[in-house]
Amino acid sequence: MTYTITTISSSILYIAFAYLLLKTDVSSKHVYTLLAVGILLRIAFGLVHPVGSPDYYRYVWDGKVQAHGINPYRYAPDDPALGALHSDILPRLVTYGDMKTIYPPLSETLFYAAYLIGGESYLGIKLLIFVFDILTLAGLTLSLKTLGLELKHVLLYALAPLPLIQFFLDGHVDSFGFTFLIFAVYFYFRERRSLAYAFLGLSLLIKPLALITIPLFILAEKDLAGRVKAAVIPVLLFALAYLPYTLTGSPFQALRSFTENWTFNGAVFDLLNMVMHDNQRARLVCAALLMMAYLPFLFGKRDLLTKVYASIFILYIFSPIVHPWYIGWLAVLLPLYPRWSGISYVALSSLTAFTILTYQQAGTWNDYPLVLIFEYVPVILLFIREISTSRQGAGRA
């Protein structure tokens, strides 16, 4: 109950904070003071055992498997072949222990590093999350200066409850990918395009969510050579990273099952599935709707940041599964592209804490239609209003 109350109440306060921040002049001194507060909060949350998610057990297990020279994609945690690695907590506390790991190679490398640092403790993974998030804040600060935007906007991410709770409390690892995504944006606008596309490829190796942005970068290039770089560098990096693991394991087996069957907090999907009573058909319709919404941004004349923000936003709208930590990929863009649709989404996603509450109390994992209505209706209406009334670039809310 405390987790749910804290998550939702802090998110309501975040909306009020964002409103005051965007309407008030804030000196650099005060920005850095508040940024220090955000860093201290990260340390405080990082020292607490995860509350809302047991996912870190999977990270630690994958790291332990690699520390013993085993391909993490070869066996499921419950496989008898790994019996010698069992301890009092692992893999007993790993959820879906009968499934092979789903995480991309760079995530797996970081799990290995976290295990070397902290063993079976959550502190190893949280230390790495802290280091990467500090780099993300640095990348955001550099990007704001490069784009000529106000430094105060960094606080939209630094003081947002979502990263504090989802990453520093519960230890989700999407934040590793934020670092690479933000530096991809930074190097892009610094005209260091090859480096930008390499960082974009690295973000895919944490979670391939940014795949939807690659066509945007390709079409933003003015010449053929630039478009080839934008297409080849991230995809080649992605493929080469997976290649060694395919020799002795099945890197995509669990991912295939995940994309075909898992559902949670997907507004459009849940509505379609309720009408169709067919999971796979509802997924296909959502994919078609996503493409219809995506193409106008892909071929339209809006600026790149608008397109990147919009593509990630609509991906969530039509996705069958949107855990709140996924929305961190949108939260980290808010300093560069502050929009109320994103601010509201980051805050209102906290309503999914009701699902965590009932899961912990009753052992059932449910979507609540009323939660979906309160979460998605405001943000979709705000997004439609923003897109229809403005074709301006970044820096305006």
Protein backbone atom coordinates (compact mmCIF):
# COMPACT_ATOMS: atom_id res chain seq x y z
CA MET A 1 0.00 0.00 0.00
CA THR A 2 2.83 2.42 0.86
CA TYR A 3 4.42 1.79 -2.54
CA THR A 4 1.17 2.60 -4.36
CA ILE A 5 0.46 5.73 -2.33
CA THR A 6 4.02 7.03 -2.72
CA THR A 7 4.11 6.36 -6.46
CA ILE A 8 0.78 8.04 -7.23
CA SER A 9 1.05 10.99 -4.83
CA SER A 10 4.58 11.88 -5.97
CA SER A 11 3.42 11.77 -9.58
CA ILE A 12 0.59 14.20 -8.85
CA LEU A 13 3.12 16.54 -7.26
CA TYR A 14 5.31 16.12 -10.34
CA ILE A 15 2.58 17.60 -12.56
CA ALA A 16 2.40 20.65 -10.28
CA PHE A 17 6.19 20.89 -10.23
CA ALA A 18 6.41 20.70 -14.04
CA TYR A 19 3.81 23.45 -14.40
CA LEU A 20 5.72 25.79 -12.08
CA LEU A 21 9.05 24.90 -13.67
CA LEU A 22 7.89 25.69 -17.20
CA LYS A 23 6.27 28.98 -16.11
CA THR A 24 9.11 30.24 -13.90
CA ASP A 25 12.57 31.60 -14.58
CA VAL A 26 15.11 29.46 -12.74
CA SER A 27 18.73 30.52 -12.32
CA SER A 28 21.54 28.13 -13.15
CA LYS A 29 22.51 28.07 -9.47
CA HIS A 30 19.05 26.87 -8.48
CA VAL A 31 18.98 24.35 -11.32
CA TYR A 32 22.22 22.76 -10.13
CA THR A 33 20.97 22.78 -6.53
CA LEU A 34 17.81 20.92 -7.55
CA LEU A 35 19.86 18.63 -9.73
CA ALA A 36 21.94 17.75 -6.66
CA VAL A 37 18.68 16.98 -4.82
CA GLY A 38 17.74 14.62 -7.64
CA ILE A 39 21.09 12.86 -7.36
CA LEU A 40 20.74 12.49 -3.58
CA LEU A 41 17.28 11.01 -4.05
CA ARG A 42 18.77 8.52 -6.51
CA ILE A 43 21.30 7.43 -3.91
CA ALA A 44 18.62 7.13 -1.21
CA PHE A 45 16.29 5.05 -3.39
CA GLY A 46 19.20 2.99 -4.66
CA LEU A 47 20.05 1.74 -1.19
CA VAL A 48 16.56 0.29 -0.67
CA HIS A 49 15.66 -3.28 -1.62
CA PRO A 50 13.38 -3.34 -4.73
CA VAL A 51 9.71 -3.18 -3.75
CA GLY A 52 7.53 -3.24 -6.85
CA SER A 53 9.38 -5.71 -9.06
CA PRO A 54 11.47 -8.87 -8.71
CA ASP A 55 13.09 -8.40 -12.13
CA TYR A 56 16.53 -7.78 -10.67
CA TYR A 57 16.73 -11.46 -9.70
CA ARG A 58 16.78 -12.29 -13.40
CA TYR A 59 19.53 -9.73 -14.01
CA VAL A 60 21.65 -11.16 -11.20
CA TRP A 61 21.04 -14.73 -12.37
CA ASP A 62 22.06 -13.91 -15.94
CA GLY A 63 25.19 -12.25 -14.59
CA LYS A 64 25.99 -15.30 -12.46
CA VAL A 65 25.54 -17.66 -15.40
CA GLN A 66 27.96 -15.60 -17.49
CA ALA A 67 30.46 -15.43 -14.62
CA HIS A 68 30.63 -19.21 -14.92
CA GLY A 69 31.32 -19.05 -18.65
CA ILE A 70 27.84 -20.04 -19.83
CA ASN A 71 25.88 -18.40 -22.66
CA PRO A 72 22.89 -16.74 -20.90
CA TYR A 73 20.65 -17.56 -23.89
CA ARG A 74 21.38 -21.30 -23.74
CA TYR A 75 19.39 -22.42 -20.72
CA ALA A 76 16.33 -21.30 -18.78
CA PRO A 77 17.07 -20.69 -15.08
CA ASP A 78 15.15 -23.81 -14.03
CA ASP A 79 17.07 -26.07 -16.41
CA PRO A 80 18.71 -28.94 -14.48
CA ALA A 81 21.95 -28.27 -16.38
CA LEU A 82 22.44 -25.19 -14.18
CA GLY A 83 21.74 -26.96 -10.91
CA ALA A 84 25.29 -26.41 -9.67
CA LEU A 85 24.69 -22.64 -9.72
CA HIS A 86 21.60 -22.71 -7.51
CA SER A 87 21.63 -20.81 -4.22
CA ASP A 88 19.07 -20.03 -1.52
CA ILE A 89 17.51 -17.26 -3.63
CA LEU A 90 18.52 -18.02 -7.21
CA PRO A 91 16.94 -19.04 -9.43
CA ARG A 92 14.05 -19.67 -6.99
CA LEU A 93 13.01 -16.01 -7.02
CA VAL A 94 13.47 -15.49 -10.77
CA THR A 95 10.06 -14.97 -12.38
CA TYR A 96 9.31 -17.20 -15.39
CA GLY A 97 12.23 -19.43 -14.51
CA ASP A 98 11.17 -21.79 -17.28
CA MET A 99 11.92 -19.12 -19.93
CA LYS A 100 15.30 -18.26 -21.37
CA THR A 101 16.43 -14.69 -20.97
CA ILE A 102 14.92 -11.97 -23.14
CA TYR A 103 17.48 -9.19 -22.65
CA PRO A 104 19.82 -8.00 -25.46
CA PRO A 105 23.59 -8.59 -25.39
CA LEU A 106 24.71 -5.24 -23.97
CA SER A 107 22.23 -5.61 -21.11
CA GLU A 108 23.66 -9.08 -20.51
CA THR A 109 27.19 -7.68 -20.40
CA LEU A 110 26.11 -5.18 -17.78
CA PHE A 111 24.40 -7.92 -15.77
CA TYR A 112 27.72 -9.74 -15.79
CA ALA A 113 29.50 -6.61 -14.57
CA ALA A 114 26.85 -6.08 -11.87
CA TYR A 115 27.32 -9.65 -10.62
CA LEU A 116 31.08 -9.16 -10.43
CA ILE A 117 30.49 -6.01 -8.38
CA GLY A 118 27.72 -7.10 -6.06
CA GLY A 119 27.27 -10.85 -6.35
CA GLU A 120 23.65 -11.83 -5.76
CA SER A 121 22.87 -8.47 -4.14
CA TYR A 122 20.80 -5.81 -5.91
CA LEU A 123 23.50 -3.22 -5.15
CA GLY A 124 25.67 -4.15 -8.13
CA ILE A 125 22.94 -3.46 -10.67
CA LYS A 126 21.86 -0.29 -8.88
CA LEU A 127 25.41 1.05 -8.82
CA LEU A 128 25.60 0.67 -12.58
CA ILE A 129 22.17 2.28 -12.98
CA PHE A 130 23.44 5.24 -10.94
CA VAL A 131 26.58 5.63 -13.04
CA PHE A 132 24.66 5.47 -16.30
CA ASP A 133 22.00 7.89 -15.08
CA ILE A 134 24.62 10.45 -14.09
CA LEU A 135 25.95 10.14 -17.64
CA THR A 136 22.39 10.60 -18.94
CA LEU A 137 22.00 13.80 -16.93
CA ALA A 138 25.34 15.00 -18.29
CA GLY A 139 24.22 14.16 -21.85
CA LEU A 140 20.96 16.01 -21.34
CA THR A 141 22.81 19.07 -20.04
CA LEU A 142 25.16 19.05 -23.03
CA SER A 143 22.25 18.55 -25.44
CA LEU A 144 20.28 21.43 -23.93
CA LYS A 145 23.26 23.73 -24.40
CA THR A 146 23.81 22.49 -27.96
CA LEU A 147 20.16 23.08 -28.88
CA GLY A 148 20.01 26.44 -27.11
CA LEU A 149 17.30 25.31 -24.70
CA GLU A 150 16.86 26.32 -21.09
CA LEU A 151 18.94 24.37 -18.59
CA LYS A 152 16.01 24.16 -16.17
CA HIS A 153 14.36 21.58 -18.45
CA VAL A 154 16.82 18.93 -17.25
CA LEU A 155 14.78 18.87 -14.02
CA LEU A 156 11.81 17.40 -15.88
CA TYR A 157 13.78 14.17 -15.88
CA ALA A 158 16.05 14.65 -12.86
CA LEU A 159 13.15 15.16 -10.42
CA ALA A 160 10.54 12.95 -12.08
CA PRO A 161 9.26 10.21 -9.73
CA LEU A 162 9.20 7.62 -12.54
CA PRO A 163 12.99 7.16 -12.87
CA LEU A 164 13.43 7.34 -9.10
CA ILE A 165 10.90 4.58 -8.45
CA GLN A 166 11.27 2.39 -11.53
CA PHE A 167 15.05 2.46 -11.82
CA PHE A 168 16.59 3.45 -8.51
CA LEU A 169 14.07 1.71 -6.26
CA ASP A 170 13.00 -1.26 -8.39
CA GLY A 171 16.19 -1.57 -10.42
CA HIS A 172 14.86 -1.79 -13.99
CA VAL A 173 17.62 -1.50 -16.56
CA ASP A 174 16.04 0.54 -19.36
CA SER A 175 17.96 3.51 -17.95
CA PHE A 176 21.15 2.04 -19.43
CA GLY A 177 19.63 2.64 -22.85
CA PHE A 178 18.69 6.24 -22.06
CA THR A 179 22.37 7.16 -21.86
CA PHE A 180 23.06 5.90 -25.36
CA LEU A 181 19.88 7.44 -26.80
CA ILE A 182 20.60 10.89 -25.37
CA PHE A 183 24.20 10.86 -26.54
CA ALA A 184 23.00 9.72 -29.96
CA VAL A 185 20.85 12.86 -30.07
CA TYR A 186 23.72 14.98 -28.77
CA PHE A 187 26.25 13.75 -31.33
CA TYR A 188 23.67 14.04 -34.10
CA PHE A 189 23.17 17.74 -33.46
CA ARG A 190 26.93 18.20 -33.03
CA GLU A 191 27.24 16.91 -36.61
CA ARG A 192 29.11 13.78 -35.53
CA ARG A 193 26.69 11.51 -37.29
CA SER A 194 28.63 8.23 -37.38
CA LEU A 195 29.13 8.41 -33.63
CA ALA A 196 25.46 9.28 -33.18
CA TYR A 197 24.35 6.20 -35.09
CA ALA A 198 26.78 4.00 -33.16
CA PHE A 199 25.23 5.22 -29.90
CA LEU A 200 21.79 4.61 -31.33
CA GLY A 201 22.84 1.04 -32.08
CA LEU A 202 24.10 0.64 -28.50
CA SER A 203 20.71 1.77 -27.19
CA LEU A 204 19.11 -1.04 -29.21
CA LEU A 205 21.38 -3.49 -27.43
CA ILE A 206 19.81 -2.48 -24.12
CA LYS A 207 16.26 -2.57 -25.45
CA PRO A 208 15.36 -2.42 -29.17
CA LEU A 209 12.66 0.22 -28.63
CA ALA A 210 14.60 2.86 -30.55
CA LEU A 211 14.33 0.78 -33.73
CA ILE A 212 11.29 2.87 -34.57
CA THR A 213 13.48 5.98 -34.73
CA ILE A 214 16.03 4.65 -37.24
CA PRO A 215 13.92 5.43 -40.35
CA LEU A 216 13.51 8.96 -39.01
CA PHE A 217 17.27 9.44 -38.87
CA ILE A 218 17.68 7.89 -42.33
CA LEU A 219 15.24 10.30 -43.97
CA ALA A 220 16.66 13.26 -42.04
CA GLU A 221 19.96 12.81 -43.87
CA LYS A 222 20.40 14.93 -46.98
CA ASP A 223 22.54 12.62 -49.10
CA LEU A 224 22.89 8.94 -49.91
CA ALA A 225 26.09 8.45 -47.91
CA GLY A 226 24.45 9.87 -44.80
CA ARG A 227 21.40 7.67 -45.26
CA VAL A 228 23.54 4.58 -45.67
CA LYS A 229 25.37 5.39 -42.42
CA ALA A 230 22.10 5.93 -40.58
CA ALA A 231 20.76 2.61 -41.81
CA VAL A 232 23.84 0.42 -41.60
CA ILE A 233 25.73 1.46 -38.46
CA PRO A 234 23.08 0.78 -35.78
CA VAL A 235 21.70 -2.34 -37.46
CA LEU A 236 25.16 -3.80 -38.13
CA LEU A 237 26.23 -3.13 -34.55
CA PHE A 238 23.05 -4.79 -33.32
CA ALA A 239 23.57 -7.87 -35.51
CA LEU A 240 27.27 -8.28 -34.69
CA ALA A 241 26.56 -8.14 -30.95
CA TYR A 242 24.05 -10.98 -31.21
CA LEU A 243 26.11 -13.16 -33.54
CA PRO A 244 28.41 -14.86 -30.97
CA TYR A 245 25.45 -15.83 -28.82
CA THR A 246 23.66 -17.59 -31.69
CA LEU A 247 26.43 -20.20 -31.91
CA THR A 248 25.54 -21.88 -28.61
CA GLY A 249 22.17 -20.39 -27.64
CA SER A 250 18.78 -19.10 -28.78
CA PRO A 251 18.78 -15.33 -28.17
CA PHE A 252 15.34 -14.67 -29.67
CA GLN A 253 13.35 -17.61 -28.33
CA ALA A 254 11.99 -15.83 -25.23
CA LEU A 255 11.57 -12.54 -27.13
CA ARG A 256 9.31 -14.27 -29.63
CA SER A 257 7.13 -15.67 -26.85
CA PHE A 258 7.05 -12.28 -25.14
CA THR A 259 5.94 -10.38 -28.23
CA GLU A 260 3.29 -12.96 -29.09
CA ASN A 261 1.66 -13.43 -25.71
CA TRP A 262 2.44 -10.83 -23.04
CA THR A 263 0.00 -7.98 -22.40
CA PHE A 264 -0.27 -5.15 -19.88
CA ASN A 265 -1.41 -1.54 -19.83
CA GLY A 266 -1.96 -1.29 -23.58
CA ALA A 267 -5.00 0.93 -24.02
CA VAL A 268 -5.82 0.42 -27.71
CA PHE A 269 -4.83 -3.23 -27.62
CA ASP A 270 -6.99 -3.95 -24.57
CA LEU A 271 -9.98 -2.29 -26.23
CA LEU A 272 -9.52 -4.25 -29.45
CA ASN A 273 -8.91 -7.51 -27.64
CA MET A 274 -12.05 -6.98 -25.59
CA VAL A 275 -14.05 -6.64 -28.82
CA MET A 276 -12.27 -9.30 -30.89
CA HIS A 277 -11.49 -11.86 -28.18
CA ASP A 278 -8.44 -12.76 -30.25
CA ASN A 279 -5.00 -11.84 -28.95
CA GLN A 280 -3.13 -12.29 -32.23
CA ARG A 281 -5.70 -10.50 -34.38
CA ALA A 282 -5.77 -7.58 -31.95
CA ARG A 283 -1.97 -7.38 -32.17
CA LEU A 284 -2.08 -7.29 -35.97
CA VAL A 285 -4.69 -4.52 -35.96
CA CYS A 286 -2.59 -2.55 -33.46
CA ALA A 287 0.45 -2.97 -35.70
CA ALA A 288 -1.53 -1.67 -38.69
CA LEU A 289 -2.82 1.31 -36.69
CA LEU A 290 0.68 2.06 -35.46
CA MET A 291 1.98 2.11 -39.03
CA MET A 292 -0.87 4.40 -40.13
CA ALA A 293 -0.05 6.83 -37.31
CA TYR A 294 3.70 6.56 -37.85
CA LEU A 295 3.92 7.20 -41.60
CA PRO A 296 2.78 10.85 -41.47
CA PHE A 297 5.61 11.58 -39.04
CA LEU A 298 8.11 9.54 -41.03
CA PHE A 299 7.45 11.41 -44.28
CA GLY A 300 6.22 14.71 -42.84
CA LYS A 301 8.19 17.93 -42.59
CA ARG A 302 8.35 18.22 -38.82
CA ASP A 303 11.72 18.53 -37.09
CA LEU A 304 13.61 15.43 -35.97
CA LEU A 305 12.97 15.78 -32.23
CA THR A 306 9.23 16.07 -32.84
CA LYS A 307 9.35 12.92 -34.94
CA VAL A 308 11.41 10.96 -32.40
CA TYR A 309 9.12 11.98 -29.54
CA ALA A 310 5.95 11.27 -31.52
CA SER A 311 7.16 7.90 -32.81
CA ILE A 312 7.94 6.63 -29.31
CA PHE A 313 4.66 8.07 -27.98
CA ILE A 314 2.48 6.36 -30.57
CA LEU A 315 4.44 3.13 -30.18
CA TYR A 316 3.22 3.03 -26.58
CA ILE A 317 -0.34 3.92 -27.55
CA PHE A 318 -0.62 0.90 -29.85
CA SER A 319 1.60 -1.52 -27.92
CA PRO A 320 0.05 -4.53 -26.15
CA ILE A 321 2.45 -4.12 -23.23
CA VAL A 322 3.54 -0.83 -21.63
CA HIS A 323 5.12 -1.28 -18.23
CA PRO A 324 5.65 2.09 -16.49
CA TRP A 325 9.43 1.80 -16.78
CA TYR A 326 9.07 1.62 -20.56
CA ILE A 327 7.72 5.18 -20.43
CA GLY A 328 11.11 6.23 -19.10
CA TRP A 329 12.21 6.33 -22.76
CA LEU A 330 9.73 9.19 -23.17
CA ALA A 331 10.57 10.78 -19.82
CA VAL A 332 14.22 11.16 -20.76
CA LEU A 333 13.24 13.12 -23.89
CA LEU A 334 11.15 15.67 -21.96
CA PRO A 335 14.08 18.02 -21.21
CA LEU A 336 14.74 18.27 -24.96
CA TYR A 337 11.10 18.23 -25.97
CA PRO A 338 8.90 19.35 -23.06
CA ARG A 339 5.30 18.53 -23.89
CA TRP A 340 2.33 18.08 -21.61
CA SER A 341 1.32 14.84 -23.28
CA GLY A 342 4.63 13.33 -22.15
CA ILE A 343 4.64 14.98 -18.73
CA SER A 344 1.11 13.70 -18.08
CA TYR A 345 1.92 10.23 -19.39
CA VAL A 346 4.99 9.97 -17.16
CA ALA A 347 2.86 10.97 -14.17
CA LEU A 348 -0.34 9.06 -14.92
CA SER A 349 1.49 5.81 -15.63
CA SER A 350 1.86 5.66 -11.85
CA LEU A 351 -1.76 4.48 -11.73
CA THR A 352 -0.51 1.05 -12.78
CA ALA A 353 0.71 0.76 -9.19
CA PHE A 354 -2.79 -0.51 -8.41
CA THR A 355 -1.88 -3.63 -10.38
CA ILE A 356 1.28 -4.03 -8.27
CA LEU A 357 -0.82 -3.63 -5.13
CA THR A 358 -3.31 -6.36 -6.04
CA TYR A 359 -0.53 -8.64 -7.26
CA GLN A 360 1.33 -8.36 -3.97
CA GLN A 361 -1.83 -8.76 -1.88
CA ALA A 362 -3.78 -11.34 -3.87
CA GLY A 363 -1.31 -12.81 -6.36
CA THR A 364 -3.35 -11.67 -9.40
CA TRP A 365 -2.01 -9.47 -12.21
CA ASN A 366 -4.81 -7.45 -13.78
CA ASP A 367 -5.41 -4.50 -16.04
CA TYR A 368 -8.08 -2.18 -14.68
CA PRO A 369 -10.25 -0.48 -17.34
CA LEU A 370 -10.75 2.58 -15.14
CA VAL A 371 -6.99 2.96 -14.73
CA LEU A 372 -6.54 2.77 -18.51
CA ILE A 373 -9.18 5.46 -19.02
CA PHE A 374 -7.65 7.87 -16.50
CA GLU A 375 -4.14 7.16 -17.77
CA TYR A 376 -4.63 7.29 -21.51
CA VAL A 377 -7.54 9.57 -22.36
CA PRO A 378 -5.86 12.79 -21.11
CA VAL A 379 -2.48 12.04 -22.69
CA ILE A 380 -3.95 11.07 -26.07
CA LEU A 381 -6.09 14.21 -26.16
CA LEU A 382 -3.09 16.36 -25.22
CA PHE A 383 -0.95 14.69 -27.88
CA ILE A 384 -3.56 15.24 -30.60
CA ARG A 385 -3.90 18.88 -29.57
CA GLU A 386 -0.13 19.44 -29.58
CA ILE A 387 0.39 17.82 -32.96
CA SER A 388 -2.55 19.54 -34.59
CA THR A 389 -1.82 23.04 -33.29
CA SER A 390 1.94 23.26 -33.68
CA ARG A 391 4.64 22.34 -36.13
CA GLN A 392 7.34 23.98 -34.05
CA GLY A 393 10.48 22.15 -32.95
CA ALA A 394 11.90 21.46 -29.54
CA GLY A 395 11.96 23.85 -26.65
CA ARG A 396 8.34 24.86 -26.31
CA ALA A 397 5.79 23.39 -23.97
